[in-house]
């Protein structure tokens, strides 16, 4: 599902125009990104939590040369689904 698909689905469900819906979706995503950049947690009840965690430094290997390289620690965004979301998906037939 793409962002355009989400906009279309919300516009049909709410009766808003696609332009207005796209602005709302863009604003929501911009708010999430801004909050994560500031280190805030975002909790959407019944859906899940977005947060930034620091990935520990580690050693890796260059696949071409086999040389060992050090990979520094870095912040990465993560999403933890709520219990409600997990339980609603566990009963569905998702194919991969």
N, C-alpha and C. Protein backbone atom coordinates (compact mmCIF):
# COMPACT_ATOMS: atom_id res chain seq x y z
N UNK A 1 0.85 -1.17 0.00
CA UNK A 1 0.00 0.00 0.00
C UNK A 1 0.90 1.24 0.00
N UNK A 2 0.62 2.17 -0.88
CA UNK A 2 1.41 3.39 -0.97
C UNK A 2 0.70 4.54 -0.26
N UNK A 3 1.40 5.67 -0.15
CA UNK A 3 0.81 6.85 0.47
C UNK A 3 -0.42 7.29 -0.33
N UNK A 4 -0.35 7.19 -1.65
CA UNK A 4 -1.50 7.57 -2.49
C UNK A 4 -2.69 6.66 -2.21
N UNK A 5 -2.45 5.38 -1.99
CA UNK A 5 -3.53 4.44 -1.66
C UNK A 5 -4.17 4.82 -0.33
N UNK A 6 -3.35 5.20 0.64
CA UNK A 6 -3.86 5.62 1.95
C UNK A 6 -4.72 6.87 1.80
N UNK A 7 -4.23 7.83 1.02
CA UNK A 7 -4.99 9.07 0.78
C UNK A 7 -6.33 8.75 0.13
N UNK A 8 -6.32 7.90 -0.88
CA UNK A 8 -7.57 7.53 -1.56
C UNK A 8 -8.56 6.86 -0.62
N UNK A 9 -8.06 5.95 0.20
CA UNK A 9 -8.94 5.21 1.11
C UNK A 9 -9.54 6.15 2.16
N UNK A 10 -8.74 7.05 2.71
CA UNK A 10 -9.26 7.98 3.72
C UNK A 10 -10.24 8.96 3.08
N UNK A 11 -9.92 9.44 1.88
CA UNK A 11 -10.81 10.38 1.20
C UNK A 11 -12.17 9.76 0.93
N UNK A 12 -12.18 8.51 0.50
CA UNK A 12 -13.45 7.82 0.26
C UNK A 12 -14.24 7.62 1.55
N UNK A 13 -13.54 7.28 2.63
CA UNK A 13 -14.21 7.00 3.90
C UNK A 13 -14.74 8.26 4.57
N UNK A 14 -14.06 9.40 4.38
CA UNK A 14 -14.45 10.61 5.09
C UNK A 14 -15.24 11.60 4.25
N UNK A 15 -15.16 11.48 2.93
CA UNK A 15 -15.83 12.43 2.07
C UNK A 15 -15.02 13.68 1.82
N UNK A 16 -13.80 13.75 2.37
CA UNK A 16 -12.92 14.89 2.10
C UNK A 16 -12.34 14.77 0.70
N UNK A 17 -11.85 15.88 0.18
CA UNK A 17 -11.20 15.82 -1.12
C UNK A 17 -9.85 15.14 -0.97
N UNK A 18 -9.33 14.63 -2.07
CA UNK A 18 -8.01 13.98 -2.02
C UNK A 18 -6.93 14.99 -1.68
N UNK A 19 -7.10 16.24 -2.12
CA UNK A 19 -6.12 17.28 -1.81
C UNK A 19 -6.07 17.56 -0.32
N UNK A 20 -7.24 17.71 0.30
CA UNK A 20 -7.29 17.94 1.75
C UNK A 20 -6.76 16.74 2.52
N UNK A 21 -7.12 15.55 2.09
CA UNK A 21 -6.66 14.33 2.75
C UNK A 21 -5.16 14.19 2.63
N UNK A 22 -4.61 14.49 1.46
CA UNK A 22 -3.17 14.41 1.25
C UNK A 22 -2.44 15.38 2.17
N UNK A 23 -3.00 16.58 2.36
CA UNK A 23 -2.40 17.56 3.25
C UNK A 23 -2.40 17.06 4.70
N UNK A 24 -3.48 16.41 5.11
CA UNK A 24 -3.56 15.86 6.47
C UNK A 24 -2.54 14.74 6.65
N UNK A 25 -2.46 13.83 5.68
CA UNK A 25 -1.52 12.71 5.77
C UNK A 25 -0.08 13.24 5.79
N UNK A 26 0.24 14.20 4.92
CA UNK A 26 1.58 14.79 4.90
C UNK A 26 1.89 15.47 6.23
N UNK A 27 0.91 16.20 6.78
CA UNK A 27 1.11 16.86 8.07
C UNK A 27 1.35 15.88 9.19
N UNK A 28 0.61 14.78 9.18
CA UNK A 28 0.79 13.75 10.21
C UNK A 28 2.18 13.13 10.12
N UNK A 29 2.60 12.79 8.91
CA UNK A 29 3.92 12.20 8.73
C UNK A 29 5.03 13.18 9.11
N UNK A 30 4.87 14.45 8.75
CA UNK A 30 5.85 15.46 9.12
C UNK A 30 5.94 15.62 10.63
N UNK A 31 4.80 15.54 11.31
CA UNK A 31 4.79 15.62 12.78
C UNK A 31 5.51 14.45 13.41
N UNK A 32 5.29 13.26 12.87
CA UNK A 32 5.97 12.06 13.38
C UNK A 32 7.48 12.19 13.18
N UNK A 33 7.90 12.60 12.00
CA UNK A 33 9.32 12.74 11.71
C UNK A 33 9.96 13.79 12.61
N UNK A 34 9.29 14.92 12.77
CA UNK A 34 9.82 15.99 13.62
C UNK A 34 9.97 15.52 15.07
N UNK A 35 8.97 14.83 15.57
CA UNK A 35 9.03 14.34 16.96
C UNK A 35 10.16 13.33 17.13
N UNK A 36 10.33 12.44 16.16
CA UNK A 36 11.41 11.46 16.26
C UNK A 36 12.78 12.13 16.19
N UNK A 37 12.91 13.16 15.36
CA UNK A 37 14.17 13.89 15.27
C UNK A 37 14.52 14.55 16.59
N UNK A 38 13.51 14.95 17.36
CA UNK A 38 13.73 15.58 18.65
C UNK A 38 13.89 14.56 19.77
N UNK A 39 13.77 13.27 19.44
CA UNK A 39 13.94 12.23 20.44
C UNK A 39 12.68 11.87 21.20
N UNK A 40 11.54 12.37 20.76
CA UNK A 40 10.27 12.08 21.44
C UNK A 40 9.73 10.71 21.05
N UNK A 41 8.92 10.13 21.93
CA UNK A 41 8.19 8.91 21.64
C UNK A 41 6.80 9.31 21.15
N UNK A 42 6.27 8.57 20.20
CA UNK A 42 4.92 8.84 19.70
C UNK A 42 4.09 7.61 19.99
N UNK A 43 3.05 7.77 20.79
CA UNK A 43 2.18 6.66 21.13
C UNK A 43 0.80 6.91 20.55
N UNK A 44 0.36 6.01 19.68
CA UNK A 44 -0.98 6.07 19.11
C UNK A 44 -1.73 4.88 19.70
N UNK A 45 -2.61 5.16 20.64
CA UNK A 45 -3.32 4.09 21.35
C UNK A 45 -4.07 3.19 20.38
N UNK A 46 -3.95 1.89 20.58
CA UNK A 46 -4.60 0.92 19.72
C UNK A 46 -3.83 0.64 18.44
N UNK A 47 -2.72 1.37 18.19
CA UNK A 47 -1.93 1.16 16.99
C UNK A 47 -0.50 0.78 17.33
N UNK A 48 0.21 1.65 18.07
CA UNK A 48 1.57 1.32 18.45
C UNK A 48 2.37 2.54 18.85
N UNK A 49 3.68 2.33 19.03
CA UNK A 49 4.58 3.37 19.48
C UNK A 49 5.76 3.48 18.53
N UNK A 50 6.07 4.71 18.16
CA UNK A 50 7.27 5.00 17.38
C UNK A 50 8.29 5.62 18.33
N UNK A 51 9.55 5.22 18.21
CA UNK A 51 10.59 5.83 19.02
C UNK A 51 11.93 5.65 18.32
N UNK A 52 12.94 6.35 18.83
CA UNK A 52 14.28 6.25 18.29
C UNK A 52 15.14 5.56 19.35
N UNK A 53 15.87 4.53 18.93
CA UNK A 53 16.80 3.85 19.82
C UNK A 53 18.19 3.94 19.22
N UNK A 54 19.20 3.82 20.05
CA UNK A 54 20.58 3.88 19.58
C UNK A 54 21.07 2.46 19.33
N UNK A 55 21.46 2.20 18.11
CA UNK A 55 22.02 0.90 17.75
C UNK A 55 23.48 0.87 18.22
N UNK A 56 23.87 -0.19 18.89
CA UNK A 56 25.21 -0.31 19.46
C UNK A 56 26.26 -0.42 18.36
N UNK A 57 27.48 0.03 18.67
CA UNK A 57 28.55 -0.15 17.68
C UNK A 57 28.86 -1.64 17.51
N UNK A 58 29.33 -2.00 16.34
CA UNK A 58 29.63 -3.41 16.08
C UNK A 58 30.70 -3.51 15.02
N UNK A 59 31.19 -4.70 14.84
CA UNK A 59 32.16 -4.92 13.77
C UNK A 59 31.45 -5.61 12.61
N UNK A 60 31.85 -5.23 11.43
CA UNK A 60 31.28 -5.82 10.22
C UNK A 60 32.40 -6.30 9.32
N UNK A 61 32.02 -6.75 8.16
CA UNK A 61 33.01 -7.26 7.22
C UNK A 61 32.65 -6.76 5.82
N UNK A 62 33.65 -6.23 5.14
CA UNK A 62 33.47 -5.81 3.76
C UNK A 62 33.31 -7.08 2.92
N UNK A 63 32.16 -7.27 2.27
CA UNK A 63 31.94 -8.52 1.54
C UNK A 63 32.88 -8.69 0.34
N UNK A 64 33.37 -7.60 -0.19
CA UNK A 64 34.24 -7.69 -1.36
C UNK A 64 35.67 -8.10 -0.99
N UNK A 65 36.19 -7.48 0.10
CA UNK A 65 37.58 -7.74 0.46
C UNK A 65 37.73 -8.64 1.68
N UNK A 66 36.68 -8.78 2.47
CA UNK A 66 36.76 -9.56 3.69
C UNK A 66 37.35 -8.78 4.85
N UNK A 67 37.69 -7.52 4.62
CA UNK A 67 38.29 -6.68 5.64
C UNK A 67 37.29 -6.41 6.76
N UNK A 68 37.76 -6.47 8.01
CA UNK A 68 36.92 -6.17 9.17
C UNK A 68 36.83 -4.66 9.31
N UNK A 69 35.61 -4.15 9.48
CA UNK A 69 35.41 -2.71 9.65
C UNK A 69 34.59 -2.47 10.91
N UNK A 70 34.80 -1.31 11.52
CA UNK A 70 34.04 -0.93 12.70
C UNK A 70 32.85 -0.09 12.26
N UNK A 71 31.67 -0.49 12.70
CA UNK A 71 30.44 0.24 12.39
C UNK A 71 30.06 1.01 13.65
N UNK A 72 30.01 2.34 13.57
CA UNK A 72 29.73 3.13 14.78
C UNK A 72 28.26 3.01 15.21
N UNK A 73 28.00 3.42 16.45
CA UNK A 73 26.61 3.43 16.93
C UNK A 73 25.86 4.52 16.18
N UNK A 74 24.54 4.34 16.07
CA UNK A 74 23.73 5.34 15.38
C UNK A 74 22.29 5.22 15.83
N UNK A 75 21.54 6.32 15.72
CA UNK A 75 20.12 6.26 16.08
C UNK A 75 19.31 5.65 14.94
N UNK A 76 18.32 4.82 15.29
CA UNK A 76 17.43 4.21 14.28
C UNK A 76 15.99 4.29 14.78
N UNK A 77 15.04 4.57 13.88
CA UNK A 77 13.64 4.59 14.29
C UNK A 77 13.11 3.16 14.41
N UNK A 78 12.25 2.92 15.40
CA UNK A 78 11.63 1.61 15.57
C UNK A 78 10.14 1.80 15.82
N UNK A 79 9.37 0.77 15.51
CA UNK A 79 7.93 0.77 15.74
C UNK A 79 7.57 -0.47 16.54
N UNK A 80 6.84 -0.28 17.63
CA UNK A 80 6.34 -1.40 18.43
C UNK A 80 4.82 -1.41 18.32
N UNK A 81 4.25 -2.44 17.71
CA UNK A 81 2.79 -2.49 17.58
C UNK A 81 2.12 -2.71 18.93
N UNK A 82 0.89 -2.19 19.06
CA UNK A 82 0.12 -2.38 20.28
C UNK A 82 -0.41 -3.81 20.34
N UNK A 83 -0.88 -4.18 21.51
CA UNK A 83 -1.49 -5.51 21.67
C UNK A 83 -2.70 -5.66 20.77
N UNK A 84 -3.49 -4.59 20.66
CA UNK A 84 -4.69 -4.63 19.82
C UNK A 84 -4.32 -4.88 18.35
N UNK A 85 -3.29 -4.19 17.87
CA UNK A 85 -2.86 -4.38 16.48
C UNK A 85 -2.33 -5.79 16.26
N UNK A 86 -1.50 -6.26 17.19
CA UNK A 86 -0.96 -7.62 17.06
C UNK A 86 -2.06 -8.66 17.05
N UNK A 87 -3.06 -8.50 17.93
CA UNK A 87 -4.13 -9.50 17.99
C UNK A 87 -5.04 -9.43 16.76
N UNK A 88 -5.24 -8.23 16.21
CA UNK A 88 -6.08 -8.13 15.03
C UNK A 88 -5.40 -8.74 13.80
N UNK A 89 -4.08 -8.68 13.76
CA UNK A 89 -3.34 -9.25 12.64
C UNK A 89 -3.17 -10.76 12.80
N UNK A 90 -3.06 -11.24 14.03
CA UNK A 90 -2.83 -12.67 14.25
C UNK A 90 -4.00 -13.51 13.75
N UNK A 91 -5.19 -12.94 13.68
CA UNK A 91 -6.35 -13.68 13.20
C UNK A 91 -6.55 -13.57 11.71
N UNK A 92 -5.77 -12.70 11.04
CA UNK A 92 -5.95 -12.51 9.59
C UNK A 92 -5.08 -13.50 8.82
N UNK A 93 -5.35 -13.60 7.54
CA UNK A 93 -4.59 -14.51 6.68
C UNK A 93 -3.65 -13.66 5.82
N UNK A 94 -2.47 -13.34 6.36
CA UNK A 94 -1.48 -12.54 5.66
C UNK A 94 -0.55 -13.47 4.90
N UNK A 95 -0.35 -13.19 3.61
CA UNK A 95 0.58 -13.98 2.82
C UNK A 95 1.81 -13.16 2.53
N UNK A 96 2.96 -13.81 2.51
CA UNK A 96 4.21 -13.11 2.23
C UNK A 96 4.83 -13.58 0.95
